[in-house]
PDB file of N, CA and C in Angstrom:
ATOM      1  N   UNK A   1      66.832 -65.877 104.632  1.00  0.00           N
ATOM      2  CA  UNK A   1      65.391 -65.913 104.511  1.00  0.00           C
ATOM      3  C   UNK A   1      64.737 -65.788 105.882  1.00  0.00           C
ATOM      4  N   UNK A   2      63.592 -65.226 105.885  1.00  0.00           N
ATOM      5  CA  UNK A   2      62.862 -65.109 107.135  1.00  0.00           C
ATOM      6  C   UNK A   2      62.031 -66.358 107.348  1.00  0.00           C
ATOM      7  N   UNK A   3      61.490 -66.476 108.534  1.00  0.00           N
ATOM      8  CA  UNK A   3      60.652 -67.618 108.859  1.00  0.00           C
ATOM      9  C   UNK A   3      59.412 -67.663 107.976  1.00  0.00           C
ATOM     10  N   UNK A   4      58.819 -66.510 107.719  1.00  0.00           N
ATOM     11  CA  UNK A   4      57.631 -66.444 106.867  1.00  0.00           C
ATOM     12  C   UNK A   4      57.951 -66.919 105.456  1.00  0.00           C
ATOM     13  N   UNK A   5      59.094 -66.555 104.928  1.00  0.00           N
ATOM     14  CA  UNK A   5      59.475 -66.991 103.588  1.00  0.00           C
ATOM     15  C   UNK A   5      59.683 -68.496 103.555  1.00  0.00           C
ATOM     16  N   UNK A   6      60.253 -69.050 104.627  1.00  0.00           N
ATOM     17  CA  UNK A   6      60.427 -70.502 104.689  1.00  0.00           C
ATOM     18  C   UNK A   6      59.085 -71.214 104.673  1.00  0.00           C
ATOM     19  N   UNK A   7      58.134 -70.697 105.427  1.00  0.00           N
ATOM     20  CA  UNK A   7      56.801 -71.304 105.470  1.00  0.00           C
ATOM     21  C   UNK A   7      56.123 -71.182 104.117  1.00  0.00           C
ATOM     22  N   UNK A   8      56.246 -70.030 103.478  1.00  0.00           N
ATOM     23  CA  UNK A   8      55.626 -69.838 102.177  1.00  0.00           C
ATOM     24  C   UNK A   8      56.231 -70.773 101.136  1.00  0.00           C
ATOM     25  N   UNK A   9      57.544 -70.958 101.179  1.00  0.00           N
ATOM     26  CA  UNK A   9      58.178 -71.867 100.235  1.00  0.00           C
ATOM     27  C   UNK A   9      57.757 -73.309 100.493  1.00  0.00           C
ATOM     28  N   UNK A  10      57.613 -73.687 101.753  1.00  0.00           N
ATOM     29  CA  UNK A  10      57.224 -75.059 102.090  1.00  0.00           C
ATOM     30  C   UNK A  10      55.793 -75.353 101.695  1.00  0.00           C
ATOM     31  N   UNK A  11      54.930 -74.356 101.777  1.00  0.00           N
ATOM     32  CA  UNK A  11      53.524 -74.572 101.452  1.00  0.00           C
ATOM     33  C   UNK A  11      53.207 -74.266  99.996  1.00  0.00           C
ATOM     34  N   UNK A  12      54.152 -73.698  99.292  1.00  0.00           N
ATOM     35  CA  UNK A  12      53.914 -73.401  97.882  1.00  0.00           C
ATOM     36  C   UNK A  12      53.190 -72.096  97.654  1.00  0.00           C
ATOM     37  N   UNK A  13      53.100 -71.239  98.689  1.00  0.00           N
ATOM     38  CA  UNK A  13      52.406 -69.968  98.519  1.00  0.00           C
ATOM     39  C   UNK A  13      53.367 -68.822  98.251  1.00  0.00           C
ATOM     40  N   UNK A  14      54.643 -69.111  98.239  1.00  0.00           N
ATOM     41  CA  UNK A  14      55.637 -68.064  97.996  1.00  0.00           C
ATOM     42  C   UNK A  14      55.832 -67.839  96.512  1.00  0.00           C
ATOM     43  N   UNK A  15      56.966 -67.227  96.192  1.00  0.00           N
ATOM     44  CA  UNK A  15      57.244 -66.900  94.799  1.00  0.00           C
ATOM     45  C   UNK A  15      57.863 -68.069  94.049  1.00  0.00           C
ATOM     46  N   UNK A  16      58.255 -69.115  94.764  1.00  0.00           N
ATOM     47  CA  UNK A  16      58.875 -70.273  94.118  1.00  0.00           C
ATOM     48  C   UNK A  16      57.850 -71.083  93.345  1.00  0.00           C
ATOM     49  N   UNK A  17      58.263 -72.202  92.834  1.00  0.00           N
ATOM     50  CA  UNK A  17      57.341 -73.054  92.093  1.00  0.00           C
ATOM     51  C   UNK A  17      56.299 -73.618  93.044  1.00  0.00           C
ATOM     52  N   UNK A  18      55.118 -73.694  92.558  1.00  0.00           N
ATOM     53  CA  UNK A  18      54.008 -74.166  93.382  1.00  0.00           C
ATOM     54  C   UNK A  18      53.675 -75.597  92.998  1.00  0.00           C
ATOM     55  N   UNK A  19      53.697 -76.462  93.996  1.00  0.00           N
ATOM     56  CA  UNK A  19      53.328 -77.855  93.769  1.00  0.00           C
ATOM     57  C   UNK A  19      51.884 -78.069  94.155  1.00  0.00           C
ATOM     58  N   UNK A  20      51.181 -78.773  93.339  1.00  0.00           N
ATOM     59  CA  UNK A  20      49.793 -79.083  93.647  1.00  0.00           C
ATOM     60  C   UNK A  20      49.723 -80.507  94.169  1.00  0.00           C
ATOM     61  N   UNK A  21      49.140 -80.657  95.345  1.00  0.00           N
ATOM     62  CA  UNK A  21      49.020 -81.988  95.942  1.00  0.00           C
ATOM     63  C   UNK A  21      47.932 -82.762  95.196  1.00  0.00           C
ATOM     64  N   UNK A  22      48.258 -83.959  94.813  1.00  0.00           N
ATOM     65  CA  UNK A  22      47.254 -84.778  94.132  1.00  0.00           C
ATOM     66  C   UNK A  22      46.370 -85.445  95.174  1.00  0.00           C
ATOM     67  N   UNK A  23      45.132 -85.547  94.830  1.00  0.00           N
ATOM     68  CA  UNK A  23      44.181 -86.180  95.752  1.00  0.00           C
ATOM     69  C   UNK A  23      44.208 -87.683  95.522  1.00  0.00           C
ATOM     70  N   UNK A  24      44.253 -88.444  96.588  1.00  0.00           N
ATOM     71  CA  UNK A  24      44.248 -89.902  96.440  1.00  0.00           C
ATOM     72  C   UNK A  24      42.842 -90.399  96.085  1.00  0.00           C
ATOM     73  N   UNK A  25      42.571 -90.500  94.818  1.00  0.00           N
ATOM     74  CA  UNK A  25      41.235 -90.844  94.333  1.00  0.00           C
ATOM     75  C   UNK A  25      40.790 -92.212  94.845  1.00  0.00           C
ATOM     76  N   UNK A  26      41.690 -93.174  94.847  1.00  0.00           N
ATOM     77  CA  UNK A  26      41.330 -94.515  95.320  1.00  0.00           C
ATOM     78  C   UNK A  26      40.940 -94.479  96.795  1.00  0.00           C
ATOM     79  N   UNK A  27      41.658 -93.711  97.583  1.00  0.00           N
ATOM     80  CA  UNK A  27      41.357 -93.617  99.012  1.00  0.00           C
ATOM     81  C   UNK A  27      40.017 -92.927  99.244  1.00  0.00           C
ATOM     82  N   UNK A  28      39.760 -91.863  98.498  1.00  0.00           N
ATOM     83  CA  UNK A  28      38.477 -91.174  98.625  1.00  0.00           C
ATOM     84  C   UNK A  28      37.316 -92.060  98.187  1.00  0.00           C
ATOM     85  N   UNK A  29      37.524 -92.835  97.143  1.00  0.00           N
ATOM     86  CA  UNK A  29      36.492 -93.753  96.670  1.00  0.00           C
ATOM     87  C   UNK A  29      36.211 -94.829  97.713  1.00  0.00           C
ATOM     88  N   UNK A  30      37.260 -95.393  98.283  1.00  0.00           N
ATOM     89  CA  UNK A  30      37.093 -96.420  99.311  1.00  0.00           C
ATOM     90  C   UNK A  30      36.388 -95.849 100.539  1.00  0.00           C
ATOM     91  N   UNK A  31      36.744 -94.632 100.930  1.00  0.00           N
ATOM     92  CA  UNK A  31      36.110 -94.003 102.087  1.00  0.00           C
ATOM     93  C   UNK A  31      34.632 -93.742 101.825  1.00  0.00           C
ATOM     94  N   UNK A  32      34.304 -93.301 100.624  1.00  0.00           N
ATOM     95  CA  UNK A  32      32.901 -93.056 100.271  1.00  0.00           C
ATOM     96  C   UNK A  32      32.110 -94.357 100.270  1.00  0.00           C
ATOM     97  N   UNK A  33      32.719 -95.430  99.790  1.00  0.00           N
ATOM     98  CA  UNK A  33      32.055 -96.732  99.776  1.00  0.00           C
ATOM     99  C   UNK A  33      31.795 -97.226 101.198  1.00  0.00           C
ATOM    100  N   UNK A  34      32.780 -97.095 102.060  1.00  0.00           N
ATOM    101  CA  UNK A  34      32.609 -97.510 103.457  1.00  0.00           C
ATOM    102  C   UNK A  34      31.519 -96.672 104.125  1.00  0.00           C
ATOM    103  N   UNK A  35      31.519 -95.366 103.884  1.00  0.00           N
ATOM    104  CA  UNK A  35      30.496 -94.496 104.470  1.00  0.00           C
ATOM    105  C   UNK A  35      29.099 -94.889 103.981  1.00  0.00           C
ATOM    106  N   UNK A  36      28.986 -95.214 102.702  1.00  0.00           N
ATOM    107  CA  UNK A  36      27.690 -95.634 102.167  1.00  0.00           C
ATOM    108  C   UNK A  36      27.235 -96.950 102.785  1.00  0.00           C
ATOM    109  N   UNK A  37      28.157 -97.878 102.945  1.00  0.00           N
ATOM    110  CA  UNK A  37      27.805 -99.160 103.560  1.00  0.00           C
ATOM    111  C   UNK A  37      27.422 -98.991 105.025  1.00  0.00           C
ATOM    112  N   UNK A  38      28.076 -98.075 105.708  1.00  0.00           N
ATOM    113  CA  UNK A  38      27.752 -97.834 107.112  1.00  0.00           C
ATOM    114  C   UNK A  38      26.381 -97.165 107.256  1.00  0.00           C
ATOM    115  N   UNK A  39      25.933 -96.469 106.238  1.00  0.00           N
ATOM    116  CA  UNK A  39      24.647 -95.782 106.294  1.00  0.00           C
ATOM    117  C   UNK A  39      23.471 -96.704 105.983  1.00  0.00           C
ATOM    118  N   UNK A  40      23.723 -97.873 105.413  1.00  0.00           N
ATOM    119  CA  UNK A  40      22.640 -98.780 105.015  1.00  0.00           C
ATOM    120  C   UNK A  40      21.747 -99.166 106.203  1.00  0.00           C
ATOM    121  N   UNK A  41      22.293 -99.592 107.350  1.00  0.00           N
ATOM    122  CA  UNK A  41      21.390 -99.935 108.462  1.00  0.00           C
ATOM    123  C   UNK A  41      20.559 -98.755 108.953  1.00  0.00           C
ATOM    124  N   UNK A  42      21.144 -97.566 108.960  1.00  0.00           N
ATOM    125  CA  UNK A  42      20.389 -96.394 109.390  1.00  0.00           C
ATOM    126  C   UNK A  42      19.252 -96.092 108.424  1.00  0.00           C
ATOM    127  N   UNK A  43      19.510 -96.182 107.145  1.00  0.00           N
ATOM    128  CA  UNK A  43      18.465 -95.946 106.142  1.00  0.00           C
ATOM    129  C   UNK A  43      17.360 -96.993 106.290  1.00  0.00           C
ATOM    130  N   UNK A  44      17.739 -98.252 106.492  1.00  0.00           N
ATOM    131  CA  UNK A  44      16.753 -99.321 106.694  1.00  0.00           C
ATOM    132  C   UNK A  44      15.908 -99.028 107.928  1.00  0.00           C
ATOM    133  N   UNK A  45      16.552 -98.611 109.007  1.00  0.00           N
ATOM    134  CA  UNK A  45      15.832 -98.303 110.238  1.00  0.00           C
ATOM    135  C   UNK A  45      14.844 -97.162 110.028  1.00  0.00           C
ATOM    136  N   UNK A  46      15.263 -96.131 109.316  1.00  0.00           N
ATOM    137  CA  UNK A  46      14.370 -94.999 109.059  1.00  0.00           C
ATOM    138  C   UNK A  46      13.185 -95.406 108.187  1.00  0.00           C
ATOM    139  N   UNK A  47      13.422 -96.260 107.215  1.00  0.00           N
ATOM    140  CA  UNK A  47      12.326 -96.730 106.354  1.00  0.00           C
ATOM    141  C   UNK A  47      11.332 -97.553 107.162  1.00  0.00           C
ATOM    142  N   UNK A  48      11.852 -98.452 107.993  1.00  0.00           N
ATOM    143  CA  UNK A  48      10.972 -99.272 108.828  1.00  0.00           C
ATOM    144  C   UNK A  48      10.204 -98.431 109.838  1.00  0.00           C
ATOM    145  N   UNK A  49      10.867 -97.422 110.410  1.00  0.00           N
ATOM    146  CA  UNK A  49      10.207 -96.566 111.400  1.00  0.00           C
ATOM    147  C   UNK A  49       9.114 -95.727 110.756  1.00  0.00           C
ATOM    148  N   UNK A  50       9.335 -95.328 109.511  1.00  0.00           N
ATOM    149  CA  UNK A  50       8.319 -94.535 108.821  1.00  0.00           C
ATOM    150  C   UNK A  50       7.058 -95.354 108.567  1.00  0.00           C
ATOM    151  N   UNK A  51       7.212 -96.669 108.421  1.00  0.00           N
ATOM    152  CA  UNK A  51       6.059 -97.522 108.166  1.00  0.00           C
ATOM    153  C   UNK A  51       5.305 -97.919 109.412  1.00  0.00           C
ATOM    154  N   UNK A  52       5.908 -97.774 110.575  1.00  0.00           N
ATOM    155  CA  UNK A  52       5.256 -98.153 111.825  1.00  0.00           C
ATOM    156  C   UNK A  52       4.482 -96.972 112.386  1.00  0.00           C
ATOM    157  N   UNK A  53       3.486 -97.273 113.171  1.00  0.00           N
ATOM    158  CA  UNK A  53       2.702 -96.220 113.806  1.00  0.00           C
ATOM    159  C   UNK A  53       3.415 -95.684 115.036  1.00  0.00           C
ATOM    160  N   UNK A  54       2.952 -94.541 115.518  1.00  0.00           N
ATOM    161  CA  UNK A  54       3.608 -93.919 116.669  1.00  0.00           C
ATOM    162  C   UNK A  54       3.437 -94.749 117.939  1.00  0.00           C
ATOM    163  N   UNK A  55       2.311 -95.410 118.095  1.00  0.00           N
ATOM    164  CA  UNK A  55       2.104 -96.251 119.282  1.00  0.00           C
ATOM    165  C   UNK A  55       3.067 -97.432 119.277  1.00  0.00           C
ATOM    166  N   UNK A  56       3.271 -98.024 118.113  1.00  0.00           N
ATOM    167  CA  UNK A  56       4.200 -99.153 118.010  1.00  0.00           C
ATOM    168  C   UNK A  56       5.636 -98.705 118.263  1.00  0.00           C
ATOM    169  N   UNK A  57       6.012 -97.554 117.715  1.00  0.00           N
ATOM    170  CA  UNK A  57       7.353 -97.022 117.949  1.00  0.00           C
ATOM    171  C   UNK A  57       7.580 -96.729 119.430  1.00  0.00           C
ATOM    172  N   UNK A  58       6.584 -96.144 120.068  1.00  0.00           N
ATOM    173  CA  UNK A  58       6.709 -95.826 121.488  1.00  0.00           C
ATOM    174  C   UNK A  58       6.892 -97.094 122.308  1.00  0.00           C
ATOM    175  N   UNK A  59       6.152 -98.128 121.996  1.00  0.00           N
ATOM    176  CA  UNK A  59       6.274 -99.374 122.759  1.00  0.00           C
ATOM    177  C   UNK A  59       7.629-100.041 122.517  1.00  0.00           C
ATOM    178  N   UNK A  60       8.184 -99.912 121.325  1.00  0.00           N
ATOM    179  CA  UNK A  60       9.495-100.492 121.042  1.00  0.00           C
ATOM    180  C   UNK A  60      10.623 -99.706 121.704  1.00  0.00           C
ATOM    181  N   UNK A  61      10.520 -98.394 121.685  1.00  0.00           N
ATOM    182  CA  UNK A  61      11.591 -97.564 122.232  1.00  0.00           C
ATOM    183  C   UNK A  61      11.645 -97.647 123.753  1.00  0.00           C
ATOM    184  N   UNK A  62      10.510 -97.670 124.394  1.00  0.00           N
ATOM    185  CA  UNK A  62      10.480 -97.611 125.858  1.00  0.00           C
ATOM    186  C   UNK A  62      10.322 -98.973 126.524  1.00  0.00           C
ATOM    187  N   UNK A  63      10.653-100.039 125.840  1.00  0.00           N
ATOM    188  CA  UNK A  63      10.600-101.353 126.480  1.00  0.00           C
ATOM    189  C   UNK A  63      11.903-101.596 127.252  1.00  0.00           C
ATOM    190  N   UNK A  64      11.883-102.501 128.226  1.00  0.00           N
ATOM    191  CA  UNK A  64      13.071-102.751 129.058  1.00  0.00           C
ATOM    192  C   UNK A  64      14.290-103.219 128.258  1.00  0.00           C
ATOM    193  N   UNK A  65      14.094-103.982 127.209  1.00  0.00           N
ATOM    194  CA  UNK A  65      15.225-104.466 126.416  1.00  0.00           C
ATOM    195  C   UNK A  65      15.999-103.307 125.800  1.00  0.00           C
ATOM    196  N   UNK A  66      15.312-102.281 125.346  1.00  0.00           N
ATOM    197  CA  UNK A  66      15.976-101.126 124.736  1.00  0.00           C
ATOM    198  C   UNK A  66      16.873-100.438 125.754  1.00  0.00           C
ATOM    199  N   UNK A  67      16.371-100.235 126.969  1.00  0.00           N
ATOM    200  CA  UNK A  67      17.182 -99.582 128.006  1.00  0.00           C
ATOM    201  C   UNK A  67      18.370-100.455 128.393  1.00  0.00           C
ATOM    202  N   UNK A  68      18.179-101.766 128.431  1.00  0.00           N
ATOM    203  CA  UNK A  68      19.283-102.678 128.746  1.00  0.00           C
ATOM    204  C   UNK A  68      20.362-102.615 127.661  1.00  0.00           C
ATOM    205  N   UNK A  69      19.956-102.615 126.414  1.00  0.00           N
ATOM    206  CA  UNK A  69      20.915-102.521 125.314  1.00  0.00           C
ATOM    207  C   UNK A  69      21.632-101.175 125.312  1.00  0.00           C
ATOM    208  N   UNK A  70      20.915-100.121 125.623  1.00  0.00           N
ATOM    209  CA  UNK A  70      21.534 -98.801 125.690  1.00  0.00           C
ATOM    210  C   UNK A  70      22.568 -98.746 126.810  1.00  0.00           C
ATOM    211  N   UNK A  71      22.234 -99.293 127.975  1.00  0.00           N
ATOM    212  CA  UNK A  71      23.165 -99.314 129.098  1.00  0.00           C
ATOM    213  C   UNK A  71      24.409-100.140 128.758  1.00  0.00           C
ATOM    214  N   UNK A  72      24.225-101.291 128.107  1.00  0.00           N
ATOM    215  CA  UNK A  72      25.370-102.111 127.688  1.00  0.00           C
ATOM    216  C   UNK A  72      26.261-101.352 126.704  1.00  0.00           C
ATOM    217  N   UNK A  73      25.665-100.596 125.803  1.00  0.00           N
ATOM    218  CA  UNK A  73      26.423 -99.825 124.830  1.00  0.00           C
ATOM    219  C   UNK A  73      27.240 -98.733 125.512  1.00  0.00           C
ATOM    220  N   UNK A  74      26.652 -98.053 126.466  1.00  0.00           N
ATOM    221  CA  UNK A  74      27.363 -97.003 127.190  1.00  0.00           C
ATOM    222  C   UNK A  74      28.527 -97.605 127.971  1.00  0.00           C
ATOM    223  N   UNK A  75      28.291 -98.710 128.654  1.00  0.00           N
ATOM    224  CA  UNK A  75      29.367 -99.354 129.422  1.00  0.00           C
ATOM    225  C   UNK A  75      30.489 -99.806 128.503  1.00  0.00           C
ATOM    226  N   UNK A  76      30.152-100.416 127.382  1.00  0.00           N
ATOM    227  CA  UNK A  76      31.165-100.866 126.430  1.00  0.00           C
ATOM    228  C   UNK A  76      31.979 -99.685 125.894  1.00  0.00           C
ATOM    229  N   UNK A  77      31.305 -98.584 125.587  1.00  0.00           N
ATOM    230  CA  UNK A  77      32.003 -97.401 125.079  1.00  0.00           C
ATOM    231  C   UNK A  77      32.989 -96.858 126.110  1.00  0.00           C
ATOM    232  N   UNK A  78      32.586 -96.820 127.365  1.00  0.00           N
ATOM    233  CA  UNK A  78      33.472 -96.316 128.422  1.00  0.00           C
ATOM    234  C   UNK A  78      34.677 -97.234 128.588  1.00  0.00           C
ATOM    235  N   UNK A  79      34.450 -98.543 128.620  1.00  0.00           N
ATOM    236  CA  UNK A  79      35.547 -99.496 128.806  1.00  0.00           C
ATOM    237  C   UNK A  79      36.522 -99.433 127.633  1.00  0.00           C
ATOM    238  N   UNK A  80      36.017 -99.376 126.425  1.00  0.00           N
ATOM    239  CA  UNK A  80      36.885 -99.327 125.246  1.00  0.00           C
ATOM    240  C   UNK A  80      37.672 -98.019 125.218  1.00  0.00           C
ATOM    241  N   UNK A  81      37.032 -96.913 125.561  1.00  0.00           N
ATOM    242  CA  UNK A  81      37.726 -95.630 125.591  1.00  0.00           C
ATOM    243  C   UNK A  81      38.853 -95.637 126.616  1.00  0.00           C
ATOM    244  N   UNK A  82      38.572 -96.152 127.803  1.00  0.00           N
ATOM    245  CA  UNK A  82      39.605 -96.226 128.836  1.00  0.00           C
ATOM    246  C   UNK A  82      40.739 -97.159 128.425  1.00  0.00           C
ATOM    247  N   UNK A  83      40.394 -98.298 127.835  1.00  0.00           N
ATOM    248  CA  UNK A  83      41.430 -99.227 127.385  1.00  0.00           C
ATOM    249  C   UNK A  83      42.307 -98.601 126.302  1.00  0.00           C
ATOM    250  N   UNK A  84      41.700 -97.888 125.373  1.00  0.00           N
ATOM    251  CA  UNK A  84      42.481 -97.216 124.328  1.00  0.00           C
ATOM    252  C   UNK A  84      43.378 -96.138 124.914  1.00  0.00           C
ATOM    253  N   UNK A  85      42.881 -95.430 125.909  1.00  0.00           N
ATOM    254  CA  UNK A  85      43.696 -94.392 126.547  1.00  0.00           C
ATOM    255  C   UNK A  85      44.891 -95.009 127.256  1.00  0.00           C
ATOM    256  N   UNK A  86      44.673 -96.109 127.946  1.00  0.00           N
ATOM    257  CA  UNK A  86      45.776 -96.776 128.662  1.00  0.00           C
ATOM    258  C   UNK A  86      46.786 -97.350 127.677  1.00  0.00           C
ATOM    259  N   UNK A  87      46.305 -98.045 126.653  1.00  0.00           N
ATOM    260  CA  UNK A  87      47.207 -98.644 125.673  1.00  0.00           C
ATOM    261  C   UNK A  87      47.960 -97.566 124.894  1.00  0.00           C
ATOM    262  N   UNK A  88      47.250 -96.505 124.498  1.00  0.00           N
ATOM    263  CA  UNK A  88      47.900 -95.427 123.755  1.00  0.00           C
ATOM    264  C   UNK A  88      48.943 -94.698 124.574  1.00  0.00           C
ATOM    265  N   UNK A  89      48.623 -94.461 125.849  1.00  0.00           N
ATOM    266  CA  UNK A  89      49.581 -93.793 126.729  1.00  0.00           C
ATOM    267  C   UNK A  89      50.813 -94.677 126.956  1.00  0.00           C
ATOM    268  N   UNK A  90      50.580 -95.971 127.165  1.00  0.00           N
ATOM    269  CA  UNK A  90      51.694 -96.888 127.370  1.00  0.00           C
ATOM    270  C   UNK A  90      52.559 -97.000 126.107  1.00  0.00           C
ATOM    271  N   UNK A  91      51.928 -97.009 124.954  1.00  0.00           N
ATOM    272  CA  UNK A  91      52.678 -97.130 123.705  1.00  0.00           C
ATOM    273  C   UNK A  91      53.470 -95.856 123.383  1.00  0.00           C
ATOM    274  N   UNK A  92      52.999 -94.722 123.858  1.00  0.00           N
ATOM    275  CA  UNK A  92      53.668 -93.458 123.579  1.00  0.00           C
ATOM    276  C   UNK A  92      54.945 -93.269 124.403  1.00  0.00           C
ATOM    277  N   UNK A  93      55.069 -94.015 125.459  1.00  0.00           N
ATOM    278  CA  UNK A  93      56.266 -93.851 126.322  1.00  0.00           C
ATOM    279  C   UNK A  93      57.426 -94.592 125.809  1.00  0.00           C
TER     280      UNK A  93
END
């Protein structure tokens, strides 16, 4: 057999019997539920922002606390990314 025939047989696209992969319904359902739960705060934020005026939104967005929280988030993201890279690299060896 050629390499192409081996690949076709392994993927089920050749002349042999074709297997259909079953979808893990429970896993997809759980993932959809988690995604919906993760979207709840964003939806709440959008609803609240729609009810506020533009002057109020501007004062909330550009206050010092917002910039401080944003800076803390960026620093945390960098530290966690670096830590994951170090731990992952060490674990791979």
